[in-house]
Amino acid sequence: MRSKSKEKGAELGEEQAREKCLRLLSRRAHSSAELGEKLRAAGFTVKVTERALAGLTESGLLDDEEFARSWVADRKLSGGSGRRKLAWELRRKGIGRSLIAQVLAEDLEEETELSQAMELARKKLREGALGAAELARLRRFLLGRGYGFEVVDKVLQSLPLRQNAGETPYLTRGEGETS
């Protein structure tokens, strides 16, 4: 008789965990890792959490690949993040590195990333030629937004350069290096 009450308690726990997940998913998409953390923080056991997440995955209500694709699509629309930042955000949400690489390769074309970086640069800067200080600030800004070195260099090379007395012109990686 004792085992029946334990089974009933486990079932209740699983149902409560499932309901909590459904409430969270009704607000916004979550990764399985995010939901797992939220369930554990709410006091659900690891076993109950795993069963609840497995049930949601089997029923198609929880899909990490779909979550990652949706995340990248949303961030692409807002236009402020490069590959590196998107990968970092997805890792923080518990998405595996191989899935991140797959989604970014399929859903974020290099041309799109470059055009987003160009648009950000245009918004950030005033008209006219730029000096080394402005270029350095813009470089840091774009790198901070998660754009790779190659994308940032292409953006900066497309901008008009002004060289003031005492300033060193902007050099891309590899230029000006001696062996």
N, C-alpha and C. Protein backbone atom coordinates (compact mmCIF):
# COMPACT_ATOMS: atom_id res chain seq x y z
N MET A 1 0.82 -1.19 0.00
CA MET A 1 0.00 0.00 0.00
C MET A 1 0.87 1.25 0.00
N ARG A 2 1.98 1.18 0.67
CA ARG A 2 2.88 2.31 0.72
C ARG A 2 3.41 2.65 -0.67
N SER A 3 3.70 1.64 -1.47
CA SER A 3 4.24 1.88 -2.81
C SER A 3 3.20 2.55 -3.70
N LYS A 4 1.89 2.26 -3.50
CA LYS A 4 0.86 2.91 -4.30
C LYS A 4 0.83 4.42 -4.01
N SER A 5 0.97 4.80 -2.75
CA SER A 5 0.95 6.22 -2.43
C SER A 5 2.18 6.92 -3.01
N LYS A 6 3.33 6.22 -3.03
CA LYS A 6 4.52 6.80 -3.63
C LYS A 6 4.31 6.97 -5.13
N GLU A 7 3.70 5.96 -5.77
CA GLU A 7 3.44 6.05 -7.20
C GLU A 7 2.48 7.20 -7.49
N LYS A 8 1.43 7.32 -6.66
CA LYS A 8 0.46 8.38 -6.86
C LYS A 8 1.13 9.75 -6.68
N GLY A 9 2.00 9.87 -5.69
CA GLY A 9 2.73 11.12 -5.46
C GLY A 9 3.65 11.45 -6.62
N ALA A 10 4.31 10.44 -7.18
CA ALA A 10 5.19 10.66 -8.33
C ALA A 10 4.39 11.10 -9.54
N GLU A 11 3.21 10.47 -9.74
CA GLU A 11 2.35 10.85 -10.86
C GLU A 11 1.88 12.30 -10.70
N LEU A 12 1.49 12.63 -9.47
CA LEU A 12 1.05 13.99 -9.19
C LEU A 12 2.19 14.97 -9.47
N GLY A 13 3.38 14.62 -9.04
CA GLY A 13 4.53 15.47 -9.27
C GLY A 13 4.80 15.67 -10.74
N GLU A 14 4.69 14.59 -11.50
CA GLU A 14 4.92 14.68 -12.94
C GLU A 14 3.85 15.54 -13.61
N GLU A 15 2.61 15.36 -13.19
CA GLU A 15 1.53 16.16 -13.77
C GLU A 15 1.71 17.64 -13.43
N GLN A 16 2.09 17.91 -12.19
CA GLN A 16 2.34 19.31 -11.79
C GLN A 16 3.51 19.89 -12.57
N ALA A 17 4.55 19.09 -12.78
CA ALA A 17 5.71 19.55 -13.54
C ALA A 17 5.31 19.85 -14.98
N ARG A 18 4.51 18.96 -15.54
CA ARG A 18 4.04 19.17 -16.93
C ARG A 18 3.22 20.45 -17.01
N GLU A 19 2.32 20.67 -16.06
CA GLU A 19 1.50 21.88 -16.07
C GLU A 19 2.35 23.14 -15.95
N LYS A 20 3.36 23.08 -15.09
CA LYS A 20 4.26 24.23 -14.94
C LYS A 20 4.98 24.51 -16.26
N CYS A 21 5.43 23.46 -16.92
CA CYS A 21 6.10 23.62 -18.22
C CYS A 21 5.16 24.23 -19.25
N LEU A 22 3.94 23.75 -19.28
CA LEU A 22 2.97 24.28 -20.24
C LEU A 22 2.67 25.75 -19.98
N ARG A 23 2.59 26.13 -18.71
CA ARG A 23 2.39 27.55 -18.38
C ARG A 23 3.56 28.39 -18.88
N LEU A 24 4.78 27.89 -18.64
CA LEU A 24 5.97 28.62 -19.08
C LEU A 24 6.03 28.70 -20.61
N LEU A 25 5.70 27.60 -21.27
CA LEU A 25 5.73 27.57 -22.74
C LEU A 25 4.63 28.43 -23.35
N SER A 26 3.56 28.68 -22.61
CA SER A 26 2.49 29.53 -23.14
C SER A 26 2.93 30.99 -23.21
N ARG A 27 3.94 31.36 -22.41
CA ARG A 27 4.43 32.74 -22.40
C ARG A 27 5.46 32.98 -23.50
N ARG A 28 6.39 32.02 -23.64
CA ARG A 28 7.42 32.11 -24.68
C ARG A 28 8.06 30.74 -24.84
N ALA A 29 8.78 30.55 -25.94
CA ALA A 29 9.48 29.28 -26.17
C ALA A 29 10.64 29.16 -25.18
N HIS A 30 10.90 27.95 -24.77
CA HIS A 30 12.02 27.65 -23.87
C HIS A 30 12.77 26.44 -24.40
N SER A 31 14.04 26.35 -24.06
CA SER A 31 14.80 25.13 -24.36
C SER A 31 14.51 24.12 -23.25
N SER A 32 14.84 22.86 -23.51
CA SER A 32 14.61 21.84 -22.48
C SER A 32 15.48 22.12 -21.26
N ALA A 33 16.68 22.64 -21.47
CA ALA A 33 17.56 22.95 -20.33
C ALA A 33 16.97 24.06 -19.47
N GLU A 34 16.40 25.08 -20.10
CA GLU A 34 15.78 26.17 -19.34
C GLU A 34 14.62 25.64 -18.49
N LEU A 35 13.77 24.83 -19.12
CA LEU A 35 12.63 24.29 -18.37
C LEU A 35 13.11 23.38 -17.24
N GLY A 36 14.13 22.59 -17.51
CA GLY A 36 14.68 21.72 -16.47
C GLY A 36 15.18 22.52 -15.27
N GLU A 37 15.86 23.63 -15.54
CA GLU A 37 16.35 24.49 -14.45
C GLU A 37 15.19 25.08 -13.66
N LYS A 38 14.16 25.51 -14.37
CA LYS A 38 13.02 26.12 -13.69
C LYS A 38 12.27 25.09 -12.84
N LEU A 39 12.15 23.87 -13.34
CA LEU A 39 11.47 22.82 -12.56
C LEU A 39 12.29 22.46 -11.32
N ARG A 40 13.59 22.33 -11.48
CA ARG A 40 14.43 21.99 -10.32
C ARG A 40 14.41 23.13 -9.30
N ALA A 41 14.39 24.37 -9.77
CA ALA A 41 14.32 25.50 -8.85
C ALA A 41 12.99 25.53 -8.11
N ALA A 42 11.95 24.98 -8.72
CA ALA A 42 10.63 24.95 -8.09
C ALA A 42 10.50 23.75 -7.14
N GLY A 43 11.54 22.92 -7.05
CA GLY A 43 11.53 21.83 -6.09
C GLY A 43 11.19 20.46 -6.66
N PHE A 44 11.05 20.34 -7.95
CA PHE A 44 10.78 19.03 -8.55
C PHE A 44 12.06 18.20 -8.56
N THR A 45 11.91 16.91 -8.38
CA THR A 45 13.08 16.02 -8.38
C THR A 45 13.62 15.89 -9.81
N VAL A 46 14.85 15.41 -9.89
CA VAL A 46 15.48 15.20 -11.19
C VAL A 46 14.68 14.18 -12.01
N LYS A 47 14.23 13.12 -11.35
CA LYS A 47 13.47 12.08 -12.04
C LYS A 47 12.16 12.62 -12.60
N VAL A 48 11.42 13.37 -11.80
CA VAL A 48 10.16 13.95 -12.24
C VAL A 48 10.40 14.95 -13.37
N THR A 49 11.45 15.74 -13.24
CA THR A 49 11.80 16.72 -14.26
C THR A 49 12.10 16.03 -15.58
N GLU A 50 12.93 14.99 -15.53
CA GLU A 50 13.30 14.27 -16.76
C GLU A 50 12.07 13.65 -17.43
N ARG A 51 11.20 13.07 -16.63
CA ARG A 51 9.98 12.46 -17.20
C ARG A 51 9.07 13.50 -17.83
N ALA A 52 8.90 14.61 -17.15
CA ALA A 52 8.04 15.68 -17.68
C ALA A 52 8.61 16.21 -19.00
N LEU A 53 9.90 16.45 -19.04
CA LEU A 53 10.53 16.98 -20.25
C LEU A 53 10.48 15.96 -21.38
N ALA A 54 10.68 14.69 -21.05
CA ALA A 54 10.61 13.63 -22.07
C ALA A 54 9.20 13.56 -22.66
N GLY A 55 8.20 13.67 -21.82
CA GLY A 55 6.81 13.65 -22.30
C GLY A 55 6.50 14.82 -23.22
N LEU A 56 6.98 16.00 -22.86
CA LEU A 56 6.76 17.17 -23.71
C LEU A 56 7.50 17.05 -25.04
N THR A 57 8.69 16.47 -24.99
CA THR A 57 9.47 16.28 -26.22
C THR A 57 8.77 15.27 -27.13
N GLU A 58 8.31 14.16 -26.54
CA GLU A 58 7.62 13.13 -27.32
C GLU A 58 6.34 13.67 -27.96
N SER A 59 5.65 14.55 -27.26
CA SER A 59 4.40 15.10 -27.80
C SER A 59 4.64 16.25 -28.77
N GLY A 60 5.90 16.66 -28.95
CA GLY A 60 6.23 17.71 -29.90
C GLY A 60 6.09 19.12 -29.35
N LEU A 61 5.83 19.25 -28.07
CA LEU A 61 5.67 20.57 -27.47
C LEU A 61 7.00 21.21 -27.08
N LEU A 62 8.04 20.40 -27.04
CA LEU A 62 9.36 20.88 -26.65
C LEU A 62 10.37 20.35 -27.66
N ASP A 63 11.03 21.27 -28.37
CA ASP A 63 11.97 20.90 -29.43
C ASP A 63 13.12 21.90 -29.43
N ASP A 64 14.29 21.45 -28.99
CA ASP A 64 15.45 22.35 -28.89
C ASP A 64 15.88 22.89 -30.25
N GLU A 65 15.79 22.08 -31.29
CA GLU A 65 16.18 22.56 -32.62
C GLU A 65 15.24 23.67 -33.08
N GLU A 66 13.96 23.46 -32.90
CA GLU A 66 12.98 24.49 -33.29
C GLU A 66 13.18 25.75 -32.45
N PHE A 67 13.47 25.58 -31.16
CA PHE A 67 13.73 26.72 -30.29
C PHE A 67 14.93 27.52 -30.81
N ALA A 68 16.02 26.82 -31.14
CA ALA A 68 17.23 27.50 -31.62
C ALA A 68 16.96 28.24 -32.94
N ARG A 69 16.24 27.59 -33.85
CA ARG A 69 15.93 28.24 -35.13
C ARG A 69 15.06 29.49 -34.91
N SER A 70 14.10 29.37 -34.03
CA SER A 70 13.23 30.51 -33.73
C SER A 70 14.02 31.65 -33.09
N TRP A 71 14.93 31.31 -32.19
CA TRP A 71 15.77 32.31 -31.51
C TRP A 71 16.61 33.07 -32.54
N VAL A 72 17.25 32.32 -33.45
CA VAL A 72 18.09 32.95 -34.47
C VAL A 72 17.24 33.83 -35.39
N ALA A 73 16.07 33.35 -35.79
CA ALA A 73 15.19 34.12 -36.67
C ALA A 73 14.76 35.43 -35.99
N ASP A 74 14.39 35.36 -34.72
CA ASP A 74 13.98 36.57 -34.00
C ASP A 74 15.12 37.57 -33.89
N ARG A 75 16.32 37.05 -33.58
CA ARG A 75 17.47 37.93 -33.42
C ARG A 75 17.92 38.51 -34.77
N LYS A 76 17.71 37.76 -35.84
CA LYS A 76 18.03 38.26 -37.18
C LYS A 76 17.12 39.44 -37.51
N LEU A 77 15.86 39.35 -37.13
CA LEU A 77 14.93 40.44 -37.40
C LEU A 77 15.30 41.71 -36.64
N SER A 78 15.77 41.54 -35.41
CA SER A 78 16.17 42.72 -34.64
C SER A 78 17.50 43.27 -35.15
N GLY A 79 18.28 42.46 -35.85
CA GLY A 79 19.46 42.92 -36.56
C GLY A 79 20.60 43.44 -35.73
N GLY A 80 20.77 42.98 -34.52
CA GLY A 80 21.85 43.52 -33.72
C GLY A 80 22.86 42.52 -33.20
N SER A 81 22.87 41.30 -33.73
CA SER A 81 23.77 40.30 -33.19
C SER A 81 24.43 39.48 -34.29
N GLY A 82 25.72 39.24 -34.10
CA GLY A 82 26.46 38.40 -35.01
C GLY A 82 26.46 36.95 -34.54
N ARG A 83 27.12 36.09 -35.32
CA ARG A 83 27.17 34.66 -35.03
C ARG A 83 27.69 34.35 -33.63
N ARG A 84 28.76 35.01 -33.26
CA ARG A 84 29.37 34.70 -31.95
C ARG A 84 28.42 34.99 -30.80
N LYS A 85 27.73 36.11 -30.88
CA LYS A 85 26.80 36.47 -29.81
C LYS A 85 25.61 35.51 -29.80
N LEU A 86 25.09 35.17 -30.98
CA LEU A 86 23.98 34.22 -31.05
C LEU A 86 24.39 32.87 -30.48
N ALA A 87 25.59 32.41 -30.82
CA ALA A 87 26.07 31.12 -30.30
C ALA A 87 26.19 31.18 -28.78
N TRP A 88 26.71 32.28 -28.26
CA TRP A 88 26.85 32.43 -26.81
C TRP A 88 25.48 32.43 -26.14
N GLU A 89 24.51 33.15 -26.71
CA GLU A 89 23.17 33.19 -26.13
C GLU A 89 22.52 31.80 -26.13
N LEU A 90 22.67 31.08 -27.22
CA LEU A 90 22.08 29.74 -27.30
C LEU A 90 22.76 28.77 -26.33
N ARG A 91 24.07 28.90 -26.15
CA ARG A 91 24.76 28.05 -25.17
C ARG A 91 24.23 28.34 -23.77
N ARG A 92 23.99 29.60 -23.46
CA ARG A 92 23.44 29.97 -22.15
C ARG A 92 22.04 29.40 -21.95
N LYS A 93 21.34 29.16 -23.04
CA LYS A 93 19.99 28.59 -22.96
C LYS A 93 20.03 27.07 -22.95
N GLY A 94 21.24 26.49 -22.95
CA GLY A 94 21.38 25.05 -22.83
C GLY A 94 21.38 24.27 -24.13
N ILE A 95 21.56 24.95 -25.25
CA ILE A 95 21.59 24.28 -26.55
C ILE A 95 23.01 23.78 -26.79
N GLY A 96 23.13 22.57 -27.31
CA GLY A 96 24.44 21.95 -27.56
C GLY A 96 25.20 22.61 -28.69
N ARG A 97 26.52 22.54 -28.62
CA ARG A 97 27.37 23.20 -29.61
C ARG A 97 27.12 22.70 -31.03
N SER A 98 26.92 21.41 -31.20
CA SER A 98 26.72 20.88 -32.56
C SER A 98 25.40 21.39 -33.15
N LEU A 99 24.37 21.46 -32.34
CA LEU A 99 23.09 21.99 -32.82
C LEU A 99 23.21 23.48 -33.14
N ILE A 100 23.93 24.21 -32.32
CA ILE A 100 24.15 25.64 -32.57
C ILE A 100 24.86 25.82 -33.91
N ALA A 101 25.93 25.07 -34.13
CA ALA A 101 26.69 25.18 -35.38
C ALA A 101 25.80 24.87 -36.58
N GLN A 102 24.99 23.83 -36.46
CA GLN A 102 24.09 23.44 -37.54
C GLN A 102 23.08 24.55 -37.84
N VAL A 103 22.44 25.06 -36.81
CA VAL A 103 21.40 26.08 -36.99
C VAL A 103 22.00 27.36 -37.57
N LEU A 104 23.14 27.79 -37.04
CA LEU A 104 23.75 29.03 -37.55
C LEU A 104 24.21 28.86 -39.00
N ALA A 105 24.74 27.69 -39.33
CA ALA A 105 25.18 27.45 -40.71
C ALA A 105 24.00 27.47 -41.68
N GLU A 106 22.87 26.93 -41.25
CA GLU A 106 21.70 26.83 -42.13
C GLU A 106 20.85 28.10 -42.14
N ASP A 107 20.79 28.81 -41.03
CA ASP A 107 19.82 29.90 -40.90
C ASP A 107 20.41 31.31 -40.91
N LEU A 108 21.72 31.44 -40.86
CA LEU A 108 22.33 32.78 -40.85
C LEU A 108 23.42 32.83 -41.92
N GLU A 109 23.05 33.34 -43.09
CA GLU A 109 23.99 33.44 -44.19
C GLU A 109 25.02 34.53 -43.90
N GLU A 110 26.22 34.35 -44.44
CA GLU A 110 27.29 35.34 -44.24
C GLU A 110 26.89 36.70 -44.79
N GLU A 111 26.20 36.71 -45.93
CA GLU A 111 25.77 37.98 -46.53
C GLU A 111 24.80 38.73 -45.62
N THR A 112 23.91 37.99 -44.98
CA THR A 112 22.95 38.60 -44.06
C THR A 112 23.68 39.21 -42.87
N GLU A 113 24.63 38.46 -42.33
CA GLU A 113 25.39 38.95 -41.18
C GLU A 113 26.17 40.21 -41.56
N LEU A 114 26.78 40.20 -42.74
CA LEU A 114 27.55 41.35 -43.20
C LEU A 114 26.63 42.56 -43.41
N SER A 115 25.48 42.37 -44.01
CA SER A 115 24.57 43.50 -44.24
C SER A 115 24.04 44.05 -42.92
N GLN A 116 23.81 43.19 -41.93
CA GLN A 116 23.38 43.67 -40.61
C GLN A 116 24.48 44.50 -39.96
N ALA A 117 25.72 44.03 -40.07
CA ALA A 117 26.84 44.77 -39.48
C ALA A 117 27.02 46.12 -40.18
N MET A 118 26.86 46.14 -41.50
CA MET A 118 26.95 47.40 -42.26
C MET A 118 25.88 48.38 -41.80
N GLU A 119 24.67 47.88 -41.63
CA GLU A 119 23.56 48.74 -41.19
C GLU A 119 23.83 49.30 -39.79
N LEU A 120 24.33 48.47 -38.90
CA LEU A 120 24.67 48.94 -37.55
C LEU A 120 25.74 50.03 -37.62
N ALA A 121 26.75 49.83 -38.46
CA ALA A 121 27.82 50.81 -38.59
C ALA A 121 27.27 52.13 -39.10
N ARG A 122 26.38 52.06 -40.10
CA ARG A 122 25.78 53.28 -40.64
C ARG A 122 25.00 54.04 -39.57
N LYS A 123 24.25 53.31 -38.76
CA LYS A 123 23.46 53.94 -37.70
C LYS A 123 24.37 54.58 -36.65
N LYS A 124 25.48 53.94 -36.38
CA LYS A 124 26.37 54.37 -35.30
C LYS A 124 27.19 55.60 -35.68
N LEU A 125 27.49 55.73 -36.96
CA LEU A 125 28.43 56.77 -37.37
C LEU A 125 27.75 57.94 -38.08
N ARG A 126 28.45 59.07 -38.02
CA ARG A 126 28.01 60.24 -38.76
C ARG A 126 28.55 60.15 -40.19
N GLU A 127 28.08 61.05 -41.02
CA GLU A 127 28.55 61.13 -42.41
C GLU A 127 30.01 61.56 -42.45
N GLY A 128 30.67 61.24 -43.56
CA GLY A 128 32.03 61.72 -43.78
C GLY A 128 33.07 60.67 -43.47
N ALA A 129 34.30 61.05 -43.71
CA ALA A 129 35.43 60.14 -43.49
C ALA A 129 35.69 59.98 -41.99
N LEU A 130 36.25 58.87 -41.65
CA LEU A 130 36.48 58.54 -40.25
C LEU A 130 37.97 58.51 -39.93
N GLY A 131 38.29 58.92 -38.73
CA GLY A 131 39.66 58.82 -38.26
C GLY A 131 39.89 57.49 -37.56
N ALA A 132 41.12 57.28 -37.15
CA ALA A 132 41.49 56.03 -36.51
C ALA A 132 40.73 55.79 -35.20
N ALA A 133 40.49 56.85 -34.44
CA ALA A 133 39.79 56.69 -33.16
C ALA A 133 38.35 56.23 -33.38
N GLU A 134 37.67 56.82 -34.36
CA GLU A 134 36.29 56.42 -34.64
C GLU A 134 36.23 54.98 -35.14
N LEU A 135 37.19 54.63 -36.00
CA LEU A 135 37.22 53.26 -36.51
C LEU A 135 37.48 52.25 -35.40
N ALA A 136 38.36 52.59 -34.49
CA ALA A 136 38.66 51.69 -33.37
C ALA A 136 37.42 51.50 -32.49
N ARG A 137 36.70 52.60 -32.25
CA ARG A 137 35.46 52.50 -31.45
C ARG A 137 34.42 51.65 -32.16
N LEU A 138 34.27 51.85 -33.46
CA LEU A 138 33.31 51.07 -34.23
C LEU A 138 33.70 49.59 -34.26
N ARG A 139 34.98 49.33 -34.36
CA ARG A 139 35.48 47.94 -34.35
C ARG A 139 35.09 47.25 -33.04
N ARG A 140 35.37 47.92 -31.93
CA ARG A 140 35.02 47.35 -30.61
C ARG A 140 33.52 47.14 -30.48
N PHE A 141 32.75 48.11 -30.98
CA PHE A 141 31.28 48.02 -30.92
C PHE A 141 30.79 46.79 -31.68
N LEU A 142 31.25 46.61 -32.91
CA LEU A 142 30.79 45.47 -33.72
C LEU A 142 31.27 44.14 -33.15
N LEU A 143 32.50 44.10 -32.66
CA LEU A 143 32.99 42.86 -32.04
C LEU A 143 32.17 42.55 -30.79
N GLY A 144 31.79 43.57 -30.04
CA GLY A 144 30.96 43.38 -28.86
C GLY A 144 29.57 42.88 -29.18
N ARG A 145 29.10 43.16 -30.38
CA ARG A 145 27.80 42.68 -30.82
C ARG A 145 27.87 41.25 -31.37
N GLY A 146 29.07 40.68 -31.36
CA GLY A 146 29.20 39.28 -31.75
C GLY A 146 29.55 39.05 -33.20
N TYR A 147 29.94 40.08 -33.92
CA TYR A 147 30.36 39.89 -35.30
C TYR A 147 31.81 39.44 -35.31
N GLY A 148 32.14 38.54 -36.22
CA GLY A 148 33.50 38.00 -36.32
C GLY A 148 34.47 39.01 -36.91
N PHE A 149 35.76 38.71 -36.78
CA PHE A 149 36.80 39.62 -37.25
C PHE A 149 36.68 39.87 -38.76
N GLU A 150 36.40 38.84 -39.53
CA GLU A 150 36.31 39.01 -40.98
C GLU A 150 35.17 39.95 -41.35
N VAL A 151 34.02 39.79 -40.71
CA VAL A 151 32.87 40.66 -40.99
C VAL A 151 33.20 42.10 -40.60
N VAL A 152 33.78 42.28 -39.42
CA VAL A 152 34.12 43.63 -38.95
C VAL A 152 35.13 44.27 -39.89
N ASP A 153 36.14 43.53 -40.31
CA ASP A 153 37.14 44.08 -41.22
C ASP A 153 36.51 44.50 -42.55
N LYS A 154 35.59 43.69 -43.08
CA LYS A 154 34.92 44.06 -44.33
C LYS A 154 34.11 45.34 -44.17
N VAL A 155 33.43 45.47 -43.06
CA VAL A 155 32.65 46.68 -42.80
C VAL A 155 33.58 47.89 -42.73
N LEU A 156 34.64 47.78 -41.96
CA LEU A 156 35.54 48.92 -41.77
C LEU A 156 36.26 49.30 -43.06
N GLN A 157 36.59 48.31 -43.88
CA GLN A 157 37.27 48.59 -45.14
C GLN A 157 36.35 49.31 -46.12
N SER A 158 35.06 49.16 -45.95
CA SER A 158 34.11 49.81 -46.86
C SER A 158 33.87 51.26 -46.49
N LEU A 159 34.34 51.70 -45.34
CA LEU A 159 34.10 53.06 -44.88
C LEU A 159 35.22 54.00 -45.33
N PRO A 160 34.88 55.26 -45.60
CA PRO A 160 35.93 56.23 -45.99
C PRO A 160 36.83 56.53 -44.80
N LEU A 161 38.13 56.61 -45.06
CA LEU A 161 39.12 56.82 -44.00
C LEU A 161 39.69 58.23 -44.08
N ARG A 162 39.79 58.87 -42.94
CA ARG A 162 40.42 60.19 -42.83
C ARG A 162 41.65 60.00 -41.95
N GLN A 163 42.78 60.48 -42.41
CA GLN A 163 43.98 60.35 -41.59
C GLN A 163 44.39 61.73 -41.10
N ASN A 164 44.28 61.93 -39.81
CA ASN A 164 44.70 63.18 -39.20
C ASN A 164 46.18 63.09 -38.86
N ALA A 165 46.78 64.25 -38.67
CA ALA A 165 48.20 64.27 -38.28
C ALA A 165 48.36 63.55 -36.95
N GLY A 166 49.31 62.66 -36.89
CA GLY A 166 49.59 61.94 -35.65
C GLY A 166 48.76 60.69 -35.46
N GLU A 167 47.80 60.42 -36.34
CA GLU A 167 46.98 59.21 -36.23
C GLU A 167 47.53 58.12 -37.11
N THR A 168 47.43 56.91 -36.66
CA THR A 168 47.81 55.76 -37.47
C THR A 168 46.56 55.27 -38.17
N PRO A 169 46.63 55.05 -39.49
CA PRO A 169 45.43 54.57 -40.18
C PRO A 169 45.05 53.19 -39.67
N TYR A 170 43.80 52.86 -39.86
CA TYR A 170 43.27 51.56 -39.44
C TYR A 170 43.94 50.45 -40.23
N LEU A 171 44.39 49.43 -39.53
CA LEU A 171 44.97 48.26 -40.18
C LEU A 171 44.09 47.06 -39.91
N THR A 172 43.83 46.27 -40.94
CA THR A 172 43.10 45.03 -40.72
C THR A 172 44.08 44.00 -40.20
N ARG A 173 43.55 42.91 -39.70
CA ARG A 173 44.42 41.85 -39.19
C ARG A 173 45.30 41.36 -40.33
N GLY A 174 46.58 41.34 -40.07
CA GLY A 174 47.53 40.83 -41.05
C GLY A 174 48.23 41.93 -41.83
N GLU A 175 47.61 43.13 -41.96
CA GLU A 175 48.25 44.22 -42.68
C GLU A 175 49.30 44.85 -41.79
N GLY A 176 50.38 45.29 -42.41
CA GLY A 176 51.39 46.02 -41.66
C GLY A 176 52.25 45.14 -40.78
N GLU A 177 51.99 43.84 -40.76
CA GLU A 177 52.79 42.93 -39.95
C GLU A 177 54.02 42.54 -40.72
N THR A 178 55.12 42.47 -40.07
CA THR A 178 56.35 42.02 -40.72
C THR A 178 56.70 40.64 -40.20
N SER A 179 57.32 39.86 -41.08
CA SER A 179 57.68 38.52 -40.62
C SER A 179 59.10 38.40 -40.22
